[in-house]
Structures are given as structure tokens and as C-alpha cells.
Amino acid sequence: MADSSFDIVSKVDHQEADNALQQARKEVEQRYDFKGTGASVEWSGEAILIKASSEERAKAVLDVLQSKFVKRGISLKSLESGDPVASGKEYRITSTIKDGISQENAKKIGKIIRDEGPKSVKSQIQGDELRVQSKSRDDLQSTIALLKNADLDVDLQFINFR
């Protein structure tokens, strides 16, 4: 019998992220407490740029953006935001969307699978994703449950279960 396998990936639907950003931009433009504060949220290349007249306003715009991401089904683990930085008369927050699993996180996941997972399960890093293999589908399912309960700072999806 051939080995069963699945892939662990961390991908963000960029269309959903764009929709969330547009909804946040609309809300910031229309909300009374943001009127006249120069608050805005927009794409800046691959990053998201938040501008406001004060540090508190910038954090409030970031909160609006995060709530739109959650409503769109995008994990906040995929959004990496910096601290507000003064730039002239305004404060800026630069946020990036993490796509793919970094090498160090892939190694952490592999270590969790080796240490706590069933002994028949093997994992290997393939670029920015992991392939997990075993003869037993039940072992693979218990590995998925183990990783879902693990406290990792990466949003994981499990695909190509065969």
C-alpha cells in the first residue's frame, strides 16, 4: 500500500485581503471619529500603509483593518504590523501579509511532528511548505489535530490529503 500524505501550507487569499482593506478604507473615510484626522489605509506595494495624525488614531485604524480581516476569514497570524512611527506631522504603521512558512517555522513544525506525533509519520520541508507522509491515514489525522492545537505563530492550512 502506498503512503498517504498531505501538505501543510500558509497562504493568504490576496483578493480577500484586498477586499478587507477596501472595506476598512471605506469605514475610516465614513466614521465620525476619523473625520479631519487624515486617517487612511492603503496598499503601498506589497505592504499595507496606515497613516493618521496621532499614534492613537493610527492604532484605531489598524484595529479597524484587523476586524475586517477577521470578518473576511483571514487569520491575524498572517498580518504582521509594526509600531506607529512618527513621520513628519503624521504617524505611520506598515503591515505586511505573511505568505508561506519560513524555514525556522517549518523546522519547529517538523520537530513537533517528530517529538509528539505518531512514530510512523515523516515530514519533509519543500520550499515554503511541508509534506507529511505516513502509511496510516489515522496517524495523519491525529497529526493534523496535534498541529491545530499547537501554539504556533503561523496560520496553517492542510491541503492535498490523499
C-alpha atoms as a PDB file:
ATOM      1  CA  MET A   1       0.000   0.000   0.000  1.00  0.00           C
ATOM      2  CA  ALA A   2       1.301   3.463  -0.929  1.00  0.00           C
ATOM      3  CA  ASP A   3       1.933   6.118   1.691  1.00  0.00           C
ATOM      4  CA  SER A   4      -0.812   8.630   2.389  1.00  0.00           C
ATOM      5  CA  SER A   5       0.215  12.261   2.603  1.00  0.00           C
ATOM      6  CA  PHE A   6      -0.871  15.863   2.986  1.00  0.00           C
ATOM      7  CA  ASP A   7       0.781  19.275   2.630  1.00  0.00           C
ATOM      8  CA  ILE A   8       0.974  21.985   5.272  1.00  0.00           C
ATOM      9  CA  VAL A   9       0.895  25.486   3.787  1.00  0.00           C
ATOM     10  CA  SER A  10       0.344  29.041   4.977  1.00  0.00           C
ATOM     11  CA  LYS A  11      -1.338  31.006   2.211  1.00  0.00           C
ATOM     12  CA  VAL A  12      -3.497  34.131   2.198  1.00  0.00           C
ATOM     13  CA  ASP A  13      -6.141  34.770  -0.440  1.00  0.00           C
ATOM     14  CA  HIS A  14      -4.907  38.143  -1.721  1.00  0.00           C
ATOM     15  CA  GLN A  15      -8.302  39.020  -3.209  1.00  0.00           C
ATOM     16  CA  GLU A  16      -9.908  38.609   0.221  1.00  0.00           C
ATOM     17  CA  ALA A  17      -7.116  40.689   1.786  1.00  0.00           C
ATOM     18  CA  ASP A  18      -7.736  43.424  -0.804  1.00  0.00           C
ATOM     19  CA  ASN A  19     -11.486  43.296  -0.108  1.00  0.00           C
ATOM     20  CA  ALA A  20     -10.834  43.616   3.637  1.00  0.00           C
ATOM     21  CA  LEU A  21      -8.541  46.597   3.028  1.00  0.00           C
ATOM     22  CA  GLN A  22     -11.141  48.322   0.823  1.00  0.00           C
ATOM     23  CA  GLN A  23     -13.838  47.786   3.478  1.00  0.00           C
ATOM     24  CA  ALA A  24     -11.529  49.203   6.165  1.00  0.00           C
ATOM     25  CA  ARG A  25     -10.703  52.213   3.933  1.00  0.00           C
ATOM     26  CA  LYS A  26     -14.421  52.903   3.419  1.00  0.00           C
ATOM     27  CA  GLU A  27     -15.156  52.679   7.135  1.00  0.00           C
ATOM     28  CA  VAL A  28     -12.261  55.004   8.008  1.00  0.00           C
ATOM     29  CA  GLU A  29     -13.478  57.566   5.440  1.00  0.00           C
ATOM     30  CA  GLN A  30     -17.059  57.481   6.774  1.00  0.00           C
ATOM     31  CA  ARG A  31     -16.607  57.205  10.544  1.00  0.00           C
ATOM     32  CA  TYR A  32     -17.202  60.392  12.504  1.00  0.00           C
ATOM     33  CA  ASP A  33     -14.261  59.938  14.883  1.00  0.00           C
ATOM     34  CA  PHE A  34     -11.824  59.788  11.928  1.00  0.00           C
ATOM     35  CA  LYS A  35     -13.129  62.959  10.207  1.00  0.00           C
ATOM     36  CA  GLY A  36     -10.403  65.581   9.772  1.00  0.00           C
ATOM     37  CA  THR A  37      -7.654  63.422  11.278  1.00  0.00           C
ATOM     38  CA  GLY A  38      -6.002  62.487   7.985  1.00  0.00           C
ATOM     39  CA  ALA A  39      -6.532  58.806   8.786  1.00  0.00           C
ATOM     40  CA  SER A  40      -6.098  56.452   5.821  1.00  0.00           C
ATOM     41  CA  VAL A  41      -5.268  52.860   4.968  1.00  0.00           C
ATOM     42  CA  GLU A  42      -3.938  51.789   1.552  1.00  0.00           C
ATOM     43  CA  TRP A  43      -1.640  49.418  -0.319  1.00  0.00           C
ATOM     44  CA  SER A  44       1.973  50.510  -0.623  1.00  0.00           C
ATOM     45  CA  GLY A  45       3.437  47.934  -2.984  1.00  0.00           C
ATOM     46  CA  GLU A  46       3.089  44.586  -1.193  1.00  0.00           C
ATOM     47  CA  ALA A  47       2.673  46.228   2.221  1.00  0.00           C
ATOM     48  CA  ILE A  48      -0.296  47.983   3.814  1.00  0.00           C
ATOM     49  CA  LEU A  49       0.340  51.570   4.908  1.00  0.00           C
ATOM     50  CA  ILE A  50      -1.731  53.159   7.674  1.00  0.00           C
ATOM     51  CA  LYS A  51      -1.470  56.930   8.227  1.00  0.00           C
ATOM     52  CA  ALA A  52      -3.045  59.127  10.904  1.00  0.00           C
ATOM     53  CA  SER A  53      -2.416  62.392  12.742  1.00  0.00           C
ATOM     54  CA  SER A  54      -1.775  60.735  16.130  1.00  0.00           C
ATOM     55  CA  GLU A  55      -0.440  57.447  17.421  1.00  0.00           C
ATOM     56  CA  GLU A  56      -3.827  56.521  18.934  1.00  0.00           C
ATOM     57  CA  ARG A  57      -5.649  57.203  15.646  1.00  0.00           C
ATOM     58  CA  ALA A  58      -3.145  55.026  13.740  1.00  0.00           C
ATOM     59  CA  LYS A  59      -3.734  52.174  16.200  1.00  0.00           C
ATOM     60  CA  ALA A  60      -7.513  52.638  15.838  1.00  0.00           C
ATOM     61  CA  VAL A  61      -7.230  52.368  12.031  1.00  0.00           C
ATOM     62  CA  LEU A  62      -5.139  49.195  12.479  1.00  0.00           C
ATOM     63  CA  ASP A  63      -7.887  47.817  14.741  1.00  0.00           C
ATOM     64  CA  VAL A  64     -10.496  48.516  12.028  1.00  0.00           C
ATOM     65  CA  LEU A  65      -8.292  46.745   9.451  1.00  0.00           C
ATOM     66  CA  GLN A  66      -7.820  43.736  11.751  1.00  0.00           C
ATOM     67  CA  SER A  67     -11.563  43.438  12.349  1.00  0.00           C
ATOM     68  CA  LYS A  68     -12.180  43.444   8.573  1.00  0.00           C
ATOM     69  CA  PHE A  69      -9.532  40.715   8.127  1.00  0.00           C
ATOM     70  CA  VAL A  70     -11.275  38.561  10.744  1.00  0.00           C
ATOM     71  CA  LYS A  71     -14.694  39.081   9.118  1.00  0.00           C
ATOM     72  CA  ARG A  72     -13.190  38.003   5.783  1.00  0.00           C
ATOM     73  CA  GLY A  73     -11.827  34.780   7.324  1.00  0.00           C
ATOM     74  CA  ILE A  74      -8.154  35.784   7.231  1.00  0.00           C
ATOM     75  CA  SER A  75      -6.184  34.892  10.360  1.00  0.00           C
ATOM     76  CA  LEU A  76      -4.450  37.744  12.165  1.00  0.00           C
ATOM     77  CA  LYS A  77      -1.380  35.487  12.362  1.00  0.00           C
ATOM     78  CA  SER A  78      -0.946  36.302   8.650  1.00  0.00           C
ATOM     79  CA  LEU A  79      -0.815  40.055   9.301  1.00  0.00           C
ATOM     80  CA  GLU A  80       2.442  41.406  10.671  1.00  0.00           C
ATOM     81  CA  SER A  81       2.204  45.025  11.864  1.00  0.00           C
ATOM     82  CA  GLY A  82       4.904  47.303  13.175  1.00  0.00           C
ATOM     83  CA  ASP A  83       4.620  50.027  15.800  1.00  0.00           C
ATOM     84  CA  PRO A  84       3.453  53.550  14.910  1.00  0.00           C
ATOM     85  CA  VAL A  85       6.368  55.599  13.587  1.00  0.00           C
ATOM     86  CA  ALA A  86       6.364  59.400  13.520  1.00  0.00           C
ATOM     87  CA  SER A  87       6.909  60.726  10.006  1.00  0.00           C
ATOM     88  CA  GLY A  88       6.696  64.498   9.879  1.00  0.00           C
ATOM     89  CA  LYS A  89       3.285  65.507  11.241  1.00  0.00           C
ATOM     90  CA  GLU A  90       1.730  62.064  10.862  1.00  0.00           C
ATOM     91  CA  TYR A  91       2.138  58.593  12.308  1.00  0.00           C
ATOM     92  CA  ARG A  92       2.539  55.558  10.059  1.00  0.00           C
ATOM     93  CA  ILE A  93       2.139  51.829  10.614  1.00  0.00           C
ATOM     94  CA  THR A  94       3.432  49.441   7.978  1.00  0.00           C
ATOM     95  CA  SER A  95       1.823  45.996   7.881  1.00  0.00           C
ATOM     96  CA  THR A  96       2.796  43.049   5.723  1.00  0.00           C
ATOM     97  CA  ILE A  97       0.974  39.870   4.846  1.00  0.00           C
ATOM     98  CA  LYS A  98       2.961  36.708   5.593  1.00  0.00           C
ATOM     99  CA  ASP A  99       2.674  34.111   2.857  1.00  0.00           C
ATOM    100  CA  GLY A 100       4.379  30.736   3.099  1.00  0.00           C
ATOM    101  CA  ILE A 101       6.090  29.019   6.010  1.00  0.00           C
ATOM    102  CA  SER A 102       9.549  30.327   6.911  1.00  0.00           C
ATOM    103  CA  GLN A 103      12.404  27.836   7.299  1.00  0.00           C
ATOM    104  CA  GLU A 104      12.575  28.306  11.082  1.00  0.00           C
ATOM    105  CA  ASN A 105       8.808  27.759  11.484  1.00  0.00           C
ATOM    106  CA  ALA A 106       8.981  24.714   9.179  1.00  0.00           C
ATOM    107  CA  LYS A 107      11.719  23.281  11.402  1.00  0.00           C
ATOM    108  CA  LYS A 108       9.586  23.938  14.523  1.00  0.00           C
ATOM    109  CA  ILE A 109       6.620  22.149  12.940  1.00  0.00           C
ATOM    110  CA  GLY A 110       8.842  19.233  11.891  1.00  0.00           C
ATOM    111  CA  LYS A 111      10.196  18.986  15.452  1.00  0.00           C
ATOM    112  CA  ILE A 112       6.651  18.941  16.898  1.00  0.00           C
ATOM    113  CA  ILE A 113       5.696  16.146  14.486  1.00  0.00           C
ATOM    114  CA  ARG A 114       8.844  14.133  15.369  1.00  0.00           C
ATOM    115  CA  ASP A 115       8.574  14.640  19.135  1.00  0.00           C
ATOM    116  CA  GLU A 116       4.819  14.470  19.786  1.00  0.00           C
ATOM    117  CA  GLY A 117       3.297  12.875  16.690  1.00  0.00           C
ATOM    118  CA  PRO A 118       2.843   9.190  15.892  1.00  0.00           C
ATOM    119  CA  LYS A 119       6.125   7.388  15.146  1.00  0.00           C
ATOM    120  CA  SER A 120       5.093   6.332  11.617  1.00  0.00           C
ATOM    121  CA  VAL A 121       4.690   9.948  10.459  1.00  0.00           C
ATOM    122  CA  LYS A 122       7.518  11.588   8.496  1.00  0.00           C
ATOM    123  CA  SER A 123       7.729  15.223   7.389  1.00  0.00           C
ATOM    124  CA  GLN A 124       9.952  16.989   4.889  1.00  0.00           C
ATOM    125  CA  ILE A 125      10.347  20.668   4.040  1.00  0.00           C
ATOM    126  CA  GLN A 126       9.636  21.560   0.410  1.00  0.00           C
ATOM    127  CA  GLY A 127      10.289  25.252  -0.166  1.00  0.00           C
ATOM    128  CA  ASP A 128       7.709  27.216   1.830  1.00  0.00           C
ATOM    129  CA  GLU A 129       5.523  24.202   2.670  1.00  0.00           C
ATOM    130  CA  LEU A 130       5.796  20.824   4.409  1.00  0.00           C
ATOM    131  CA  ARG A 131       4.859  17.379   3.100  1.00  0.00           C
ATOM    132  CA  VAL A 132       3.762  14.916   5.771  1.00  0.00           C
ATOM    133  CA  GLN A 133       3.628  11.176   4.965  1.00  0.00           C
ATOM    134  CA  SER A 134       2.572   8.003   6.725  1.00  0.00           C
ATOM    135  CA  LYS A 135       1.176   4.556   5.917  1.00  0.00           C
ATOM    136  CA  SER A 136      -1.785   5.181   8.244  1.00  0.00           C
ATOM    137  CA  ARG A 137      -4.390   7.842   7.447  1.00  0.00           C
ATOM    138  CA  ASP A 138      -5.435   7.825  11.108  1.00  0.00           C
ATOM    139  CA  ASP A 139      -1.903   8.849  12.120  1.00  0.00           C
ATOM    140  CA  LEU A 140      -2.055  11.703   9.603  1.00  0.00           C
ATOM    141  CA  GLN A 141      -5.376  12.881  11.019  1.00  0.00           C
ATOM    142  CA  SER A 142      -4.012  12.797  14.561  1.00  0.00           C
ATOM    143  CA  THR A 143      -1.003  14.818  13.317  1.00  0.00           C
ATOM    144  CA  ILE A 144      -3.369  17.456  11.884  1.00  0.00           C
ATOM    145  CA  ALA A 145      -5.202  17.611  15.233  1.00  0.00           C
ATOM    146  CA  LEU A 146      -1.863  17.935  17.046  1.00  0.00           C
ATOM    147  CA  LEU A 147      -0.768  20.857  14.840  1.00  0.00           C
ATOM    148  CA  LYS A 148      -4.144  22.614  15.117  1.00  0.00           C
ATOM    149  CA  ASN A 149      -3.790  22.587  18.907  1.00  0.00           C
ATOM    150  CA  ALA A 150      -0.113  23.641  18.846  1.00  0.00           C
ATOM    151  CA  ASP A 151       0.553  27.292  19.684  1.00  0.00           C
ATOM    152  CA  LEU A 152       2.356  28.409  16.520  1.00  0.00           C
ATOM    153  CA  ASP A 153       2.644  31.971  15.225  1.00  0.00           C
ATOM    154  CA  VAL A 154       1.744  30.827  11.701  1.00  0.00           C
ATOM    155  CA  ASP A 155      -1.701  30.316  10.166  1.00  0.00           C
ATOM    156  CA  LEU A 156      -1.672  26.739   8.822  1.00  0.00           C
ATOM    157  CA  GLN A 157      -3.833  25.105   6.156  1.00  0.00           C
ATOM    158  CA  PHE A 158      -3.800  21.389   5.392  1.00  0.00           C
ATOM    159  CA  ILE A 159      -4.228  20.527   1.701  1.00  0.00           C
ATOM    160  CA  ASN A 160      -3.861  17.602  -0.738  1.00  0.00           C
ATOM    161  CA  PHE A 161      -4.858  14.923   1.755  1.00  0.00           C
ATOM    162  CA  ARG A 162      -4.536  11.648  -0.152  1.00  0.00           C
END
